[in-house]
Amino acid sequence: MWCKIIIKVYSLEGEAWTQALEYKLGARGLRSLCEAVLNDAMFELPESDVKALKVTKSYAEQRLVKIELLALKVVS
């Protein structure tokens, strides 16, 4: 099943970029932050009846709270 994903540019760019700069993460760290925001959706949406996912700033913030940024800093 297909799901339309609507990403408000400021939602990922603002929140992920701010945290990447704060923790001095490189491109891979920034990619990890973006993946963390979309990870739940990648696994849950194909089996659901949801037709569209709107990634807003609050959605991105809720997902980024869950990850361990210190672990990302060590890896990058």
PDB file of N, CA and C in Angstrom:
ATOM      1  N   MET A   1       0.836  -1.178   0.000  1.00  0.00           N
ATOM      2  CA  MET A   1       0.000   0.000   0.000  1.00  0.00           C
ATOM      3  C   MET A   1       0.883   1.244   0.000  1.00  0.00           C
ATOM      4  N   TRP A   2       0.475   2.220  -0.731  1.00  0.00           N
ATOM      5  CA  TRP A   2       1.218   3.480  -0.830  1.00  0.00           C
ATOM      6  C   TRP A   2       0.683   4.491   0.156  1.00  0.00           C
ATOM      7  N   CYS A   3       1.573   5.308   0.647  1.00  0.00           N
ATOM      8  CA  CYS A   3       1.197   6.392   1.556  1.00  0.00           C
ATOM      9  C   CYS A   3       1.920   7.657   1.103  1.00  0.00           C
ATOM     10  N   LYS A   4       1.188   8.719   0.999  1.00  0.00           N
ATOM     11  CA  LYS A   4       1.777   9.998   0.631  1.00  0.00           C
ATOM     12  C   LYS A   4       2.441  10.608   1.861  1.00  0.00           C
ATOM     13  N   ILE A   5       3.691  11.033   1.717  1.00  0.00           N
ATOM     14  CA  ILE A   5       4.408  11.655   2.829  1.00  0.00           C
ATOM     15  C   ILE A   5       4.602  13.133   2.504  1.00  0.00           C
ATOM     16  N   ILE A   6       4.086  13.970   3.378  1.00  0.00           N
ATOM     17  CA  ILE A   6       4.197  15.411   3.214  1.00  0.00           C
ATOM     18  C   ILE A   6       5.168  15.915   4.278  1.00  0.00           C
ATOM     19  N   ILE A   7       6.294  16.428   3.854  1.00  0.00           N
ATOM     20  CA  ILE A   7       7.286  16.921   4.794  1.00  0.00           C
ATOM     21  C   ILE A   7       7.372  18.430   4.679  1.00  0.00           C
ATOM     22  N   LYS A   8       7.026  19.086   5.758  1.00  0.00           N
ATOM     23  CA  LYS A   8       7.201  20.537   5.812  1.00  0.00           C
ATOM     24  C   LYS A   8       8.694  20.773   5.965  1.00  0.00           C
ATOM     25  N   VAL A   9       9.294  21.470   5.042  1.00  0.00           N
ATOM     26  CA  VAL A   9      10.746  21.632   4.997  1.00  0.00           C
ATOM     27  C   VAL A   9      11.302  22.096   6.334  1.00  0.00           C
ATOM     28  N   TYR A  10      10.658  23.051   6.959  1.00  0.00           N
ATOM     29  CA  TYR A  10      11.161  23.567   8.227  1.00  0.00           C
ATOM     30  C   TYR A  10      11.118  22.517   9.332  1.00  0.00           C
ATOM     31  N   SER A  11      10.248  21.507   9.231  1.00  0.00           N
ATOM     32  CA  SER A  11      10.117  20.533  10.310  1.00  0.00           C
ATOM     33  C   SER A  11      11.377  19.697  10.470  1.00  0.00           C
ATOM     34  N   LEU A  12      11.854  19.100   9.401  1.00  0.00           N
ATOM     35  CA  LEU A  12      13.079  18.307   9.478  1.00  0.00           C
ATOM     36  C   LEU A  12      14.298  19.201   9.441  1.00  0.00           C
ATOM     37  N   GLU A  13      14.276  20.150   8.544  1.00  0.00           N
ATOM     38  CA  GLU A  13      15.437  21.014   8.381  1.00  0.00           C
ATOM     39  C   GLU A  13      15.723  21.766   9.670  1.00  0.00           C
ATOM     40  N   GLY A  14      14.713  22.332  10.255  1.00  0.00           N
ATOM     41  CA  GLY A  14      14.912  23.125  11.463  1.00  0.00           C
ATOM     42  C   GLY A  14      15.336  22.295  12.657  1.00  0.00           C
ATOM     43  N   GLU A  15      14.552  21.286  12.999  1.00  0.00           N
ATOM     44  CA  GLU A  15      14.807  20.512  14.204  1.00  0.00           C
ATOM     45  C   GLU A  15      16.041  19.626  14.053  1.00  0.00           C
ATOM     46  N   ALA A  16      16.117  18.863  12.991  1.00  0.00           N
ATOM     47  CA  ALA A  16      17.264  17.964  12.804  1.00  0.00           C
ATOM     48  C   ALA A  16      18.550  18.755  12.611  1.00  0.00           C
ATOM     49  N   TRP A  17      18.473  19.809  11.834  1.00  0.00           N
ATOM     50  CA  TRP A  17      19.665  20.620  11.565  1.00  0.00           C
ATOM     51  C   TRP A  17      20.166  21.277  12.851  1.00  0.00           C
ATOM     52  N   THR A  18      19.249  21.809  13.650  1.00  0.00           N
ATOM     53  CA  THR A  18      19.629  22.447  14.909  1.00  0.00           C
ATOM     54  C   THR A  18      20.342  21.460  15.822  1.00  0.00           C
ATOM     55  N   GLN A  19      19.801  20.256  15.938  1.00  0.00           N
ATOM     56  CA  GLN A  19      20.416  19.263  16.807  1.00  0.00           C
ATOM     57  C   GLN A  19      21.731  18.754  16.231  1.00  0.00           C
ATOM     58  N   ALA A  20      21.810  18.642  14.924  1.00  0.00           N
ATOM     59  CA  ALA A  20      23.064  18.216  14.299  1.00  0.00           C
ATOM     60  C   ALA A  20      24.163  19.239  14.574  1.00  0.00           C
ATOM     61  N   LEU A  21      23.837  20.513  14.499  1.00  0.00           N
ATOM     62  CA  LEU A  21      24.822  21.556  14.797  1.00  0.00           C
ATOM     63  C   LEU A  21      25.191  21.567  16.276  1.00  0.00           C
ATOM     64  N   GLU A  22      24.183  21.413  17.132  1.00  0.00           N
ATOM     65  CA  GLU A  22      24.416  21.450  18.575  1.00  0.00           C
ATOM     66  C   GLU A  22      25.366  20.327  19.017  1.00  0.00           C
ATOM     67  N   TYR A  23      25.191  19.149  18.452  1.00  0.00           N
ATOM     68  CA  TYR A  23      26.020  18.008  18.827  1.00  0.00           C
ATOM     69  C   TYR A  23      27.199  17.793  17.877  1.00  0.00           C
ATOM     70  N   LYS A  24      27.389  18.738  16.967  1.00  0.00           N
ATOM     71  CA  LYS A  24      28.494  18.691  16.003  1.00  0.00           C
ATOM     72  C   LYS A  24      28.518  17.383  15.220  1.00  0.00           C
ATOM     73  N   LEU A  25      27.344  17.020  14.713  1.00  0.00           N
ATOM     74  CA  LEU A  25      27.224  15.818  13.899  1.00  0.00           C
ATOM     75  C   LEU A  25      27.510  16.158  12.448  1.00  0.00           C
ATOM     76  N   GLY A  26      28.048  15.228  11.729  1.00  0.00           N
ATOM     77  CA  GLY A  26      28.300  15.427  10.310  1.00  0.00           C
ATOM     78  C   GLY A  26      27.088  15.012   9.488  1.00  0.00           C
ATOM     79  N   ALA A  27      27.326  14.767   8.215  1.00  0.00           N
ATOM     80  CA  ALA A  27      26.249  14.395   7.298  1.00  0.00           C
ATOM     81  C   ALA A  27      25.591  13.079   7.707  1.00  0.00           C
ATOM     82  N   ARG A  28      26.377  12.131   8.157  1.00  0.00           N
ATOM     83  CA  ARG A  28      25.801  10.842   8.579  1.00  0.00           C
ATOM     84  C   ARG A  28      24.946  11.005   9.824  1.00  0.00           C
ATOM     85  N   GLY A  29      25.362  11.863  10.721  1.00  0.00           N
ATOM     86  CA  GLY A  29      24.569  12.126  11.913  1.00  0.00           C
ATOM     87  C   GLY A  29      23.258  12.797  11.572  1.00  0.00           C
ATOM     88  N   LEU A  30      23.302  13.731  10.629  1.00  0.00           N
ATOM     89  CA  LEU A  30      22.087  14.411  10.179  1.00  0.00           C
ATOM     90  C   LEU A  30      21.143  13.406   9.521  1.00  0.00           C
ATOM     91  N   ARG A  31      21.713  12.512   8.736  1.00  0.00           N
ATOM     92  CA  ARG A  31      20.900  11.468   8.098  1.00  0.00           C
ATOM     93  C   ARG A  31      20.251  10.582   9.159  1.00  0.00           C
ATOM     94  N   SER A  32      20.997  10.250  10.201  1.00  0.00           N
ATOM     95  CA  SER A  32      20.459   9.435  11.288  1.00  0.00           C
ATOM     96  C   SER A  32      19.301  10.132  11.983  1.00  0.00           C
ATOM     97  N   LEU A  33      19.406  11.432  12.149  1.00  0.00           N
ATOM     98  CA  LEU A  33      18.317  12.196  12.767  1.00  0.00           C
ATOM     99  C   LEU A  33      17.061  12.143  11.888  1.00  0.00           C
ATOM    100  N   CYS A  34      17.241  12.306  10.592  1.00  0.00           N
ATOM    101  CA  CYS A  34      16.099  12.249   9.665  1.00  0.00           C
ATOM    102  C   CYS A  34      15.470  10.860   9.674  1.00  0.00           C
ATOM    103  N   GLU A  35      16.307   9.820   9.716  1.00  0.00           N
ATOM    104  CA  GLU A  35      15.800   8.456   9.786  1.00  0.00           C
ATOM    105  C   GLU A  35      15.035   8.222  11.085  1.00  0.00           C
ATOM    106  N   ALA A  36      15.512   8.796  12.178  1.00  0.00           N
ATOM    107  CA  ALA A  36      14.834   8.637  13.461  1.00  0.00           C
ATOM    108  C   ALA A  36      13.431   9.233  13.415  1.00  0.00           C
ATOM    109  N   VAL A  37      13.285  10.338  12.708  1.00  0.00           N
ATOM    110  CA  VAL A  37      11.977  10.979  12.586  1.00  0.00           C
ATOM    111  C   VAL A  37      11.019  10.091  11.792  1.00  0.00           C
ATOM    112  N   LEU A  38      11.510   9.447  10.762  1.00  0.00           N
ATOM    113  CA  LEU A  38      10.645   8.673   9.862  1.00  0.00           C
ATOM    114  C   LEU A  38      10.608   7.177  10.167  1.00  0.00           C
ATOM    115  N   ASN A  39      11.409   6.704  11.104  1.00  0.00           N
ATOM    116  CA  ASN A  39      11.546   5.272  11.353  1.00  0.00           C
ATOM    117  C   ASN A  39      10.220   4.586  11.692  1.00  0.00           C
ATOM    118  N   ASP A  40       9.482   5.105  12.644  1.00  0.00           N
ATOM    119  CA  ASP A  40       8.205   4.488  13.023  1.00  0.00           C
ATOM    120  C   ASP A  40       7.266   4.404  11.826  1.00  0.00           C
ATOM    121  N   ALA A  41       7.198   5.470  11.077  1.00  0.00           N
ATOM    122  CA  ALA A  41       6.307   5.510   9.920  1.00  0.00           C
ATOM    123  C   ALA A  41       6.699   4.473   8.867  1.00  0.00           C
ATOM    124  N   MET A  42       7.996   4.270   8.666  1.00  0.00           N
ATOM    125  CA  MET A  42       8.450   3.303   7.656  1.00  0.00           C
ATOM    126  C   MET A  42       7.947   1.898   7.951  1.00  0.00           C
ATOM    127  N   PHE A  43       7.821   1.563   9.223  1.00  0.00           N
ATOM    128  CA  PHE A  43       7.401   0.217   9.586  1.00  0.00           C
ATOM    129  C   PHE A  43       5.908   0.088   9.836  1.00  0.00           C
ATOM    130  N   GLU A  44       5.273   1.148  10.303  1.00  0.00           N
ATOM    131  CA  GLU A  44       3.863   1.068  10.666  1.00  0.00           C
ATOM    132  C   GLU A  44       2.905   1.405   9.524  1.00  0.00           C
ATOM    133  N   LEU A  45       3.266   2.333   8.671  1.00  0.00           N
ATOM    134  CA  LEU A  45       2.337   2.793   7.638  1.00  0.00           C
ATOM    135  C   LEU A  45       1.979   1.751   6.580  1.00  0.00           C
ATOM    136  N   PRO A  46       2.905   0.910   6.135  1.00  0.00           N
ATOM    137  CA  PRO A  46       2.519  -0.057   5.104  1.00  0.00           C
ATOM    138  C   PRO A  46       1.378  -0.979   5.521  1.00  0.00           C
ATOM    139  N   GLU A  47       1.229  -1.252   6.807  1.00  0.00           N
ATOM    140  CA  GLU A  47       0.174  -2.141   7.277  1.00  0.00           C
ATOM    141  C   GLU A  47      -1.061  -1.393   7.759  1.00  0.00           C
ATOM    142  N   SER A  48      -1.057  -0.085   7.646  1.00  0.00           N
ATOM    143  CA  SER A  48      -2.186   0.701   8.132  1.00  0.00           C
ATOM    144  C   SER A  48      -3.030   1.217   6.967  1.00  0.00           C
ATOM    145  N   ASP A  49      -4.123   1.854   7.320  1.00  0.00           N
ATOM    146  CA  ASP A  49      -5.013   2.444   6.315  1.00  0.00           C
ATOM    147  C   ASP A  49      -4.724   3.929   6.115  1.00  0.00           C
ATOM    148  N   VAL A  50      -3.652   4.421   6.692  1.00  0.00           N
ATOM    149  CA  VAL A  50      -3.296   5.832   6.588  1.00  0.00           C
ATOM    150  C   VAL A  50      -2.907   6.141   5.136  1.00  0.00           C
ATOM    151  N   LYS A  51      -3.491   7.185   4.598  1.00  0.00           N
ATOM    152  CA  LYS A  51      -3.229   7.561   3.209  1.00  0.00           C
ATOM    153  C   LYS A  51      -2.153   8.633   3.082  1.00  0.00           C
ATOM    154  N   ALA A  52      -1.928   9.395   4.169  1.00  0.00           N
ATOM    155  CA  ALA A  52      -0.932  10.467   4.111  1.00  0.00           C
ATOM    156  C   ALA A  52      -0.321  10.688   5.493  1.00  0.00           C
ATOM    157  N   LEU A  53       0.970  10.957   5.503  1.00  0.00           N
ATOM    158  CA  LEU A  53       1.695  11.294   6.725  1.00  0.00           C
ATOM    159  C   LEU A  53       2.221  12.704   6.554  1.00  0.00           C
ATOM    160  N   LYS A  54       1.860  13.569   7.472  1.00  0.00           N
ATOM    161  CA  LYS A  54       2.317  14.955   7.425  1.00  0.00           C
ATOM    162  C   LYS A  54       3.372  15.144   8.502  1.00  0.00           C
ATOM    163  N   VAL A  55       4.607  15.366   8.098  1.00  0.00           N
ATOM    164  CA  VAL A  55       5.707  15.560   9.040  1.00  0.00           C
ATOM    165  C   VAL A  55       5.817  17.051   9.337  1.00  0.00           C
ATOM    166  N   THR A  56       5.407  17.392  10.539  1.00  0.00           N
ATOM    167  CA  THR A  56       5.445  18.783  10.983  1.00  0.00           C
ATOM    168  C   THR A  56       6.554  18.948  12.007  1.00  0.00           C
ATOM    169  N   LYS A  57       6.757  20.158  12.464  1.00  0.00           N
ATOM    170  CA  LYS A  57       7.790  20.418  13.463  1.00  0.00           C
ATOM    171  C   LYS A  57       7.500  19.644  14.744  1.00  0.00           C
ATOM    172  N   SER A  58       6.259  19.641  15.197  1.00  0.00           N
ATOM    173  CA  SER A  58       5.931  18.919  16.434  1.00  0.00           C
ATOM    174  C   SER A  58       6.112  17.413  16.269  1.00  0.00           C
ATOM    175  N   TYR A  59       5.771  16.878  15.096  1.00  0.00           N
ATOM    176  CA  TYR A  59       5.984  15.447  14.821  1.00  0.00           C
ATOM    177  C   TYR A  59       7.474  15.121  14.893  1.00  0.00           C
ATOM    178  N   ALA A  60       8.303  15.953  14.275  1.00  0.00           N
ATOM    179  CA  ALA A  60       9.753  15.737  14.284  1.00  0.00           C
ATOM    180  C   ALA A  60      10.299  15.845  15.707  1.00  0.00           C
ATOM    181  N   GLU A  61       9.841  16.821  16.464  1.00  0.00           N
ATOM    182  CA  GLU A  61      10.319  16.989  17.841  1.00  0.00           C
ATOM    183  C   GLU A  61       9.973  15.788  18.703  1.00  0.00           C
ATOM    184  N   GLN A  62       8.764  15.250  18.552  1.00  0.00           N
ATOM    185  CA  GLN A  62       8.353  14.081  19.330  1.00  0.00           C
ATOM    186  C   GLN A  62       9.233  12.879  19.032  1.00  0.00           C
ATOM    187  N   ARG A  63       9.604  12.709  17.774  1.00  0.00           N
ATOM    188  CA  ARG A  63      10.438  11.550  17.400  1.00  0.00           C
ATOM    189  C   ARG A  63      11.890  11.740  17.829  1.00  0.00           C
ATOM    190  N   LEU A  64      12.388  12.959  17.753  1.00  0.00           N
ATOM    191  CA  LEU A  64      13.783  13.211  18.095  1.00  0.00           C
ATOM    192  C   LEU A  64      14.042  13.106  19.597  1.00  0.00           C
ATOM    193  N   VAL A  65      13.018  13.288  20.400  1.00  0.00           N
ATOM    194  CA  VAL A  65      13.170  13.158  21.845  1.00  0.00           C
ATOM    195  C   VAL A  65      13.552  11.723  22.209  1.00  0.00           C
ATOM    196  N   LYS A  66      13.110  10.767  21.402  1.00  0.00           N
ATOM    197  CA  LYS A  66      13.325   9.352  21.697  1.00  0.00           C
ATOM    198  C   LYS A  66      14.760   8.872  21.468  1.00  0.00           C
ATOM    199  N   ILE A  67      15.513   9.535  20.633  1.00  0.00           N
ATOM    200  CA  ILE A  67      16.826   8.995  20.279  1.00  0.00           C
ATOM    201  C   ILE A  67      17.911   9.502  21.212  1.00  0.00           C
ATOM    202  N   GLU A  68      18.992   8.780  21.252  1.00  0.00           N
ATOM    203  CA  GLU A  68      20.116   9.150  22.093  1.00  0.00           C
ATOM    204  C   GLU A  68      21.133   9.911  21.254  1.00  0.00           C
ATOM    205  N   LEU A  69      21.135  11.209  21.387  1.00  0.00           N
ATOM    206  CA  LEU A  69      22.030  12.036  20.585  1.00  0.00           C
ATOM    207  C   LEU A  69      23.494  11.851  20.974  1.00  0.00           C
ATOM    208  N   LEU A  70      23.741  11.532  22.221  1.00  0.00           N
ATOM    209  CA  LEU A  70      25.129  11.329  22.635  1.00  0.00           C
ATOM    210  C   LEU A  70      25.752  10.133  21.913  1.00  0.00           C
ATOM    211  N   ALA A  71      24.959   9.102  21.675  1.00  0.00           N
ATOM    212  CA  ALA A  71      25.451   7.937  20.942  1.00  0.00           C
ATOM    213  C   ALA A  71      25.793   8.323  19.511  1.00  0.00           C
ATOM    214  N   LEU A  72      24.985   9.191  18.914  1.00  0.00           N
ATOM    215  CA  LEU A  72      25.270   9.645  17.557  1.00  0.00           C
ATOM    216  C   LEU A  72      26.567  10.447  17.510  1.00  0.00           C
ATOM    217  N   LYS A  73      26.785  11.248  18.526  1.00  0.00           N
ATOM    218  CA  LYS A  73      27.989  12.070  18.561  1.00  0.00           C
ATOM    219  C   LYS A  73      29.246  11.205  18.594  1.00  0.00           C
ATOM    220  N   VAL A  74      29.187  10.117  19.343  1.00  0.00           N
ATOM    221  CA  VAL A  74      30.342   9.227  19.458  1.00  0.00           C
ATOM    222  C   VAL A  74      30.630   8.544  18.139  1.00  0.00           C
ATOM    223  N   VAL A  75      29.580   8.148  17.431  1.00  0.00           N
ATOM    224  CA  VAL A  75      29.739   7.426  16.182  1.00  0.00           C
ATOM    225  C   VAL A  75      30.279   8.329  15.088  1.00  0.00           C
ATOM    226  N   SER A  76      29.826   9.562  15.021  1.00  0.00           N
ATOM    227  CA  SER A  76      30.201  10.426  13.913  1.00  0.00           C
ATOM    228  C   SER A  76      31.543  11.069  14.081  1.00  0.00           C
TER     229      SER A  76
END
